Amino acid sequence: MKINLRQFHKLATLLAIICNISYSYALPDDKNQPIDVVADTASMDNSTGTTILTGKVEIVQGSLTITADKLVVQRNQQGDIHRMTATGKPAHFSQQQLPGNPHTKAWGTKMVYSVANQTITITGNAKVQQLDDKFTGDTVVYYMDKAIVKAIGTKQRVRMVIQPKGQK
């Protein structure tokens, strides 16, 4: 599907909005950084509020990085972004929470980012690494605003590797 110039400007504006969503547990200047979005294809449907990016999708803004084979962005009736769904083999999320700390990283076949809840729900070989701690399970939910990880096991048991917090 070809995108005309008007649609391209709407898509560029939408992508800027996506990446400017503030993250309360991210580096403070991430939301003020330039946004770099790369994909092989992009399509926007204003009637459904859906934008689809496919093919080696990469979004970078400051310390935030999302990579996926496909990213679907959904807007509500007011035009606000309410959900982003990244899929891949695997899809990947990374963001630095505090200066000098390692990035929090997440991997999974599917990641659903709920903007209102500030959560990323990861399924399909779900894994989150926060500092030196690792969490895996069928589903891992990362609460971005609180830097909390919740792992859920159904078919596979939850596995956590928690490093001692004392002096190293």
C-alpha atoms as a PDB file:
ATOM      1  CA  MET A   1       0.000   0.000   0.000  1.00  0.00           C
ATOM      2  CA  LYS A   2       1.434   3.349  -1.010  1.00  0.00           C
ATOM      3  CA  ILE A   3       1.129   6.304   1.327  1.00  0.00           C
ATOM      4  CA  ASN A   4       0.436   9.748  -0.125  1.00  0.00           C
ATOM      5  CA  LEU A   5       2.144  12.873   1.225  1.00  0.00           C
ATOM      6  CA  ARG A   6      -0.768  13.763   3.541  1.00  0.00           C
ATOM      7  CA  GLN A   7      -0.805  10.255   4.994  1.00  0.00           C
ATOM      8  CA  PHE A   8       2.984  10.350   5.379  1.00  0.00           C
ATOM      9  CA  HIS A   9       2.760  13.552   7.445  1.00  0.00           C
ATOM     10  CA  LYS A  10       0.042  11.991   9.622  1.00  0.00           C
ATOM     11  CA  LEU A  11       2.178   8.865  10.054  1.00  0.00           C
ATOM     12  CA  ALA A  12       5.247  10.936  10.973  1.00  0.00           C
ATOM     13  CA  THR A  13       3.184  12.900  13.516  1.00  0.00           C
ATOM     14  CA  LEU A  14       1.765   9.676  14.952  1.00  0.00           C
ATOM     15  CA  LEU A  15       5.238   8.169  15.312  1.00  0.00           C
ATOM     16  CA  ALA A  16       6.443  11.316  17.058  1.00  0.00           C
ATOM     17  CA  ILE A  17       3.534  11.005  19.503  1.00  0.00           C
ATOM     18  CA  ILE A  18       4.301   7.320  20.068  1.00  0.00           C
ATOM     19  CA  CYS A  19       7.868   7.982  20.980  1.00  0.00           C
ATOM     20  CA  ASN A  20       7.164  11.074  23.075  1.00  0.00           C
ATOM     21  CA  ILE A  21       5.053   9.168  25.585  1.00  0.00           C
ATOM     22  CA  SER A  22       6.739   9.955  28.875  1.00  0.00           C
ATOM     23  CA  TYR A  23       8.168   7.117  30.918  1.00  0.00           C
ATOM     24  CA  SER A  24       8.310   7.918  34.604  1.00  0.00           C
ATOM     25  CA  TYR A  25      10.976   5.276  35.248  1.00  0.00           C
ATOM     26  CA  ALA A  26      13.186   6.199  32.343  1.00  0.00           C
ATOM     27  CA  LEU A  27      15.983   8.652  31.969  1.00  0.00           C
ATOM     28  CA  PRO A  28      14.420  12.100  32.383  1.00  0.00           C
ATOM     29  CA  ASP A  29      15.684  13.396  29.036  1.00  0.00           C
ATOM     30  CA  ASP A  30      14.560  10.359  26.961  1.00  0.00           C
ATOM     31  CA  LYS A  31      11.287  12.053  26.021  1.00  0.00           C
ATOM     32  CA  ASN A  32      13.214  15.104  24.758  1.00  0.00           C
ATOM     33  CA  GLN A  33      15.581  13.122  22.530  1.00  0.00           C
ATOM     34  CA  PRO A  34      15.220  12.866  18.737  1.00  0.00           C
ATOM     35  CA  ILE A  35      13.145   9.929  17.524  1.00  0.00           C
ATOM     36  CA  ASP A  36      14.483   7.538  14.936  1.00  0.00           C
ATOM     37  CA  VAL A  37      11.962   5.138  13.381  1.00  0.00           C
ATOM     38  CA  VAL A  38      12.934   2.649  10.689  1.00  0.00           C
ATOM     39  CA  ALA A  39      10.804  -0.047   9.025  1.00  0.00           C
ATOM     40  CA  ASP A  40      10.533  -1.693   5.629  1.00  0.00           C
ATOM     41  CA  THR A  41       6.847  -0.750   5.245  1.00  0.00           C
ATOM     42  CA  ALA A  42       4.269   1.438   6.973  1.00  0.00           C
ATOM     43  CA  SER A  43       0.518   1.808   6.602  1.00  0.00           C
ATOM     44  CA  MET A  44      -2.057   3.914   8.424  1.00  0.00           C
ATOM     45  CA  ASP A  45      -5.818   3.475   8.537  1.00  0.00           C
ATOM     46  CA  ASN A  46      -7.477   6.598   9.959  1.00  0.00           C
ATOM     47  CA  SER A  47     -10.890   4.931  10.101  1.00  0.00           C
ATOM     48  CA  THR A  48      -9.668   2.285  12.571  1.00  0.00           C
ATOM     49  CA  GLY A  49      -6.906   4.321  14.209  1.00  0.00           C
ATOM     50  CA  THR A  50      -4.385   1.612  13.366  1.00  0.00           C
ATOM     51  CA  THR A  51      -0.840   2.062  12.103  1.00  0.00           C
ATOM     52  CA  ILE A  52       1.199  -0.990  11.089  1.00  0.00           C
ATOM     53  CA  LEU A  53       4.973  -0.996  10.694  1.00  0.00           C
ATOM     54  CA  THR A  54       6.619  -4.153   9.328  1.00  0.00           C
ATOM     55  CA  GLY A  55      10.044  -5.451   8.444  1.00  0.00           C
ATOM     56  CA  LYS A  56      12.942  -4.922  10.835  1.00  0.00           C
ATOM     57  CA  VAL A  57      11.081  -2.265  12.826  1.00  0.00           C
ATOM     58  CA  GLU A  58      13.376  -0.153  15.019  1.00  0.00           C
ATOM     59  CA  ILE A  59      12.331   2.717  17.274  1.00  0.00           C
ATOM     60  CA  VAL A  60      15.044   4.596  19.175  1.00  0.00           C
ATOM     61  CA  GLN A  61      14.558   7.593  21.450  1.00  0.00           C
ATOM     62  CA  GLY A  62      17.298   8.343  23.929  1.00  0.00           C
ATOM     63  CA  SER A  63      17.898   5.149  25.899  1.00  0.00           C
ATOM     64  CA  LEU A  64      14.611   3.558  24.711  1.00  0.00           C
ATOM     65  CA  THR A  65      14.864   0.953  21.955  1.00  0.00           C
ATOM     66  CA  ILE A  66      12.130  -1.279  20.535  1.00  0.00           C
ATOM     67  CA  THR A  67      12.873  -3.771  17.772  1.00  0.00           C
ATOM     68  CA  ALA A  68      10.334  -6.091  16.196  1.00  0.00           C
ATOM     69  CA  ASP A  69       9.303  -7.775  12.985  1.00  0.00           C
ATOM     70  CA  LYS A  70       5.952  -5.968  13.219  1.00  0.00           C
ATOM     71  CA  LEU A  71       4.578  -3.122  15.338  1.00  0.00           C
ATOM     72  CA  VAL A  72       0.856  -2.326  15.461  1.00  0.00           C
ATOM     73  CA  VAL A  73      -0.137   1.006  16.996  1.00  0.00           C
ATOM     74  CA  GLN A  74      -3.758   1.550  18.039  1.00  0.00           C
ATOM     75  CA  ARG A  75      -5.352   4.895  18.799  1.00  0.00           C
ATOM     76  CA  ASN A  76      -8.597   5.498  20.708  1.00  0.00           C
ATOM     77  CA  GLN A  77     -11.484   7.649  19.467  1.00  0.00           C
ATOM     78  CA  GLN A  78      -9.760  10.775  20.785  1.00  0.00           C
ATOM     79  CA  GLY A  79      -6.700   9.967  18.686  1.00  0.00           C
ATOM     80  CA  ASP A  80      -4.499   9.115  21.656  1.00  0.00           C
ATOM     81  CA  ILE A  81      -2.244   6.060  21.499  1.00  0.00           C
ATOM     82  CA  HIS A  82      -3.592   3.431  23.859  1.00  0.00           C
ATOM     83  CA  ARG A  83      -1.773   0.265  22.787  1.00  0.00           C
ATOM     84  CA  MET A  84       1.285  -0.835  20.866  1.00  0.00           C
ATOM     85  CA  THR A  85       1.825  -4.496  20.008  1.00  0.00           C
ATOM     86  CA  ALA A  86       5.268  -5.651  18.910  1.00  0.00           C
ATOM     87  CA  THR A  87       5.826  -9.151  17.530  1.00  0.00           C
ATOM     88  CA  GLY A  88       9.026 -10.832  16.492  1.00  0.00           C
ATOM     89  CA  LYS A  89      11.385 -13.724  16.879  1.00  0.00           C
ATOM     90  CA  PRO A  90      11.883 -12.210  19.392  1.00  0.00           C
ATOM     91  CA  ALA A  91      10.642  -8.647  19.813  1.00  0.00           C
ATOM     92  CA  HIS A  92      12.939  -6.634  22.091  1.00  0.00           C
ATOM     93  CA  PHE A  93      12.548  -3.662  24.452  1.00  0.00           C
ATOM     94  CA  SER A  94      15.377  -1.851  26.241  1.00  0.00           C
ATOM     95  CA  GLN A  95      15.485   1.298  28.351  1.00  0.00           C
ATOM     96  CA  GLN A  96      17.818   2.777  30.947  1.00  0.00           C
ATOM     97  CA  GLN A  97      16.062   3.711  34.177  1.00  0.00           C
ATOM     98  CA  LEU A  98      18.783   5.692  35.944  1.00  0.00           C
ATOM     99  CA  PRO A  99      22.061   7.224  34.767  1.00  0.00           C
ATOM    100  CA  GLY A 100      24.921   4.794  35.250  1.00  0.00           C
ATOM    101  CA  ASN A 101      22.604   1.775  35.596  1.00  0.00           C
ATOM    102  CA  PRO A 102      22.308  -0.961  32.993  1.00  0.00           C
ATOM    103  CA  HIS A 103      19.289  -1.002  30.705  1.00  0.00           C
ATOM    104  CA  THR A 104      16.160  -2.934  31.658  1.00  0.00           C
ATOM    105  CA  LYS A 105      15.667  -5.373  28.791  1.00  0.00           C
ATOM    106  CA  ALA A 106      12.743  -7.518  27.697  1.00  0.00           C
ATOM    107  CA  TRP A 107      12.325 -10.187  25.026  1.00  0.00           C
ATOM    108  CA  GLY A 108       9.364 -12.203  23.824  1.00  0.00           C
ATOM    109  CA  THR A 109       7.407 -13.340  20.810  1.00  0.00           C
ATOM    110  CA  LYS A 110       4.755 -10.728  21.607  1.00  0.00           C
ATOM    111  CA  MET A 111       4.860  -7.525  23.657  1.00  0.00           C
ATOM    112  CA  VAL A 112       1.773  -5.456  24.382  1.00  0.00           C
ATOM    113  CA  TYR A 113       2.424  -1.971  25.718  1.00  0.00           C
ATOM    114  CA  SER A 114      -0.594  -0.440  27.460  1.00  0.00           C
ATOM    115  CA  VAL A 115      -0.026   3.306  27.602  1.00  0.00           C
ATOM    116  CA  ALA A 116      -2.652   4.043  30.282  1.00  0.00           C
ATOM    117  CA  ASN A 117      -1.420   1.257  32.573  1.00  0.00           C
ATOM    118  CA  GLN A 118       2.275   1.877  31.791  1.00  0.00           C
ATOM    119  CA  THR A 119       2.760  -1.889  31.443  1.00  0.00           C
ATOM    120  CA  ILE A 120       4.459  -4.129  28.938  1.00  0.00           C
ATOM    121  CA  THR A 121       3.008  -7.647  28.868  1.00  0.00           C
ATOM    122  CA  ILE A 122       5.463 -10.069  27.295  1.00  0.00           C
ATOM    123  CA  THR A 123       4.423 -13.543  26.109  1.00  0.00           C
ATOM    124  CA  GLY A 124       6.104 -16.340  24.195  1.00  0.00           C
ATOM    125  CA  ASN A 125       9.461 -17.169  25.793  1.00  0.00           C
ATOM    126  CA  ALA A 126       9.046 -14.056  27.925  1.00  0.00           C
ATOM    127  CA  LYS A 127      12.140 -12.726  29.641  1.00  0.00           C
ATOM    128  CA  VAL A 128      12.986  -9.511  31.515  1.00  0.00           C
ATOM    129  CA  GLN A 129      16.391  -8.523  32.828  1.00  0.00           C
ATOM    130  CA  GLN A 130      16.430  -5.702  35.360  1.00  0.00           C
ATOM    131  CA  LEU A 131      19.908  -4.807  36.588  1.00  0.00           C
ATOM    132  CA  ASP A 132      21.433  -8.250  37.247  1.00  0.00           C
ATOM    133  CA  ASP A 133      18.097  -9.927  38.063  1.00  0.00           C
ATOM    134  CA  LYS A 134      16.383 -12.123  35.451  1.00  0.00           C
ATOM    135  CA  PHE A 135      12.749 -13.212  35.195  1.00  0.00           C
ATOM    136  CA  THR A 136      11.294 -15.750  32.761  1.00  0.00           C
ATOM    137  CA  GLY A 137       7.873 -17.332  32.373  1.00  0.00           C
ATOM    138  CA  ASP A 138       4.977 -17.856  30.026  1.00  0.00           C
ATOM    139  CA  THR A 139       4.000 -14.252  30.702  1.00  0.00           C
ATOM    140  CA  VAL A 140       6.080 -11.482  32.240  1.00  0.00           C
ATOM    141  CA  VAL A 141       4.515  -8.109  33.021  1.00  0.00           C
ATOM    142  CA  TYR A 142       6.824  -5.111  33.427  1.00  0.00           C
ATOM    143  CA  TYR A 143       5.288  -2.136  35.267  1.00  0.00           C
ATOM    144  CA  MET A 144       7.291   0.739  33.770  1.00  0.00           C
ATOM    145  CA  ASP A 145       6.156   3.427  36.213  1.00  0.00           C
ATOM    146  CA  LYS A 146       7.201   1.379  39.249  1.00  0.00           C
ATOM    147  CA  ALA A 147      10.041  -0.740  37.792  1.00  0.00           C
ATOM    148  CA  ILE A 148       8.223  -3.863  39.033  1.00  0.00           C
ATOM    149  CA  VAL A 149       8.339  -7.233  37.267  1.00  0.00           C
ATOM    150  CA  LYS A 150       5.664  -9.935  37.661  1.00  0.00           C
ATOM    151  CA  ALA A 151       6.284 -13.367  36.106  1.00  0.00           C
ATOM    152  CA  ILE A 152       3.458 -15.866  35.527  1.00  0.00           C
ATOM    153  CA  GLY A 153       3.885 -19.525  34.681  1.00  0.00           C
ATOM    154  CA  THR A 154       1.245 -21.808  33.196  1.00  0.00           C
ATOM    155  CA  LYS A 155       2.933 -24.280  30.830  1.00  0.00           C
ATOM    156  CA  GLN A 156       6.411 -23.485  32.111  1.00  0.00           C
ATOM    157  CA  ARG A 157       7.418 -22.620  35.627  1.00  0.00           C
ATOM    158  CA  VAL A 158       8.562 -19.135  36.515  1.00  0.00           C
ATOM    159  CA  ARG A 159      12.302 -18.792  36.888  1.00  0.00           C
ATOM    160  CA  MET A 160      14.018 -15.928  38.674  1.00  0.00           C
ATOM    161  CA  VAL A 161      17.694 -15.287  39.198  1.00  0.00           C
ATOM    162  CA  ILE A 162      18.109 -12.600  41.845  1.00  0.00           C
ATOM    163  CA  GLN A 163      21.556 -11.266  42.613  1.00  0.00           C
ATOM    164  CA  PRO A 164      22.540 -10.297  46.171  1.00  0.00           C
ATOM    165  CA  LYS A 165      22.347  -6.549  46.726  1.00  0.00           C
ATOM    166  CA  GLY A 166      25.271  -6.397  49.197  1.00  0.00           C
ATOM    167  CA  GLN A 167      28.782  -5.286  48.376  1.00  0.00           C
ATOM    168  CA  LYS A 168      30.416  -6.976  45.425  1.00  0.00           C
END
